[in-house]
C-alpha cells in the first residue's frame, strides 16, 4: 500500500468535507497530530478506526486503502489488490515481529549468561592442589604453624577428627576465582624478587593453638593436606576416614 497516496487522499477527502484536522480528530476521538501523520504518509490509520474514518469522509475502506475514488469497473479489482497488499503487509509485520522476538531473546540470553558468569566470578572458590615447594607446616610447642609462600590471596580451612590414638588435623586451601589473576601476578612478583635477591615475598601464615586442636587429650597430632570436602570428612566412618587419610598428604606430625 502506498501510504503517501493514502495520506493525500485522506487530506483531500477531509477538505472536501470542509473539516479541519482538529475537527476530524475530535470526531474520531484522537489527536490532530495523528491526523497529520496520516496525511503526510508517516503512519496509517489503525484498523479499529478505519470504518469510522470512512464514514466521516464518505468513502469505502476499499477506496481508503486504494488512495482514490473507485468506480464500478475497477472496484473489485482494487479490492482484490488491497486484500493481497494487506496479506503481504501482515506477513512482513509478522517477520519483523519474529526478528524482534529473536533479537530480544538473544539479548536476554546474553544478559543471563553475563549475569551467571558475574555471580560465578565473584562467588566461586577453586580448590588449590598441595605443593610442597611453597606450602609448609610445623608443630611447635604451643602452636601449629602453616605457611604458604608466593601467594597471599588463598584462604585456609581446617578441621579436626580423632582416631583411637591420635588427633588428625586436615588442612585445605581455596582461592576465590576473582583472586586468580592476582595470584598469578603475586607468583610472578615473587619470582622477580628472588631473582634480584630482594627480601619481600608474598605469602600467608596461619597459626592455631595446639591445645585447641587436640581432641580428648590425644596429644599425638598428624596434619594432612586434603582436597576431600570437610562435610564428607565429618560424616566418615572409621573405614572411610582411613581411605581419606590415604588420599591426603601428610605435611606434619609431632613425636
Foldseek 3Di string as FASTA:
>chain_A
DQQQLLLCLLVVLCVVLVHDLQRLCVQQVHHSVVNVCSNRSVDHDDPVRQVVSCVSSVHDSLCSQVSHHDDPVCSVVSVVVSVVVVVVVVVVVVVVVVVVVVVVVVVVVVVVVVVVVVCQQQDPKDWDDDDPVFWAWEDDDWKIKIKGWQFAQKDKDKDWDDDPAAIEIEMTIIHRNNCPVVSVVSNVVQVVCVVVVHDDIDIDMDMDTLVVRGDPPRNWYWYWYFPDDVVCCVPDDPVRVVVRRVRTHTRYTDD
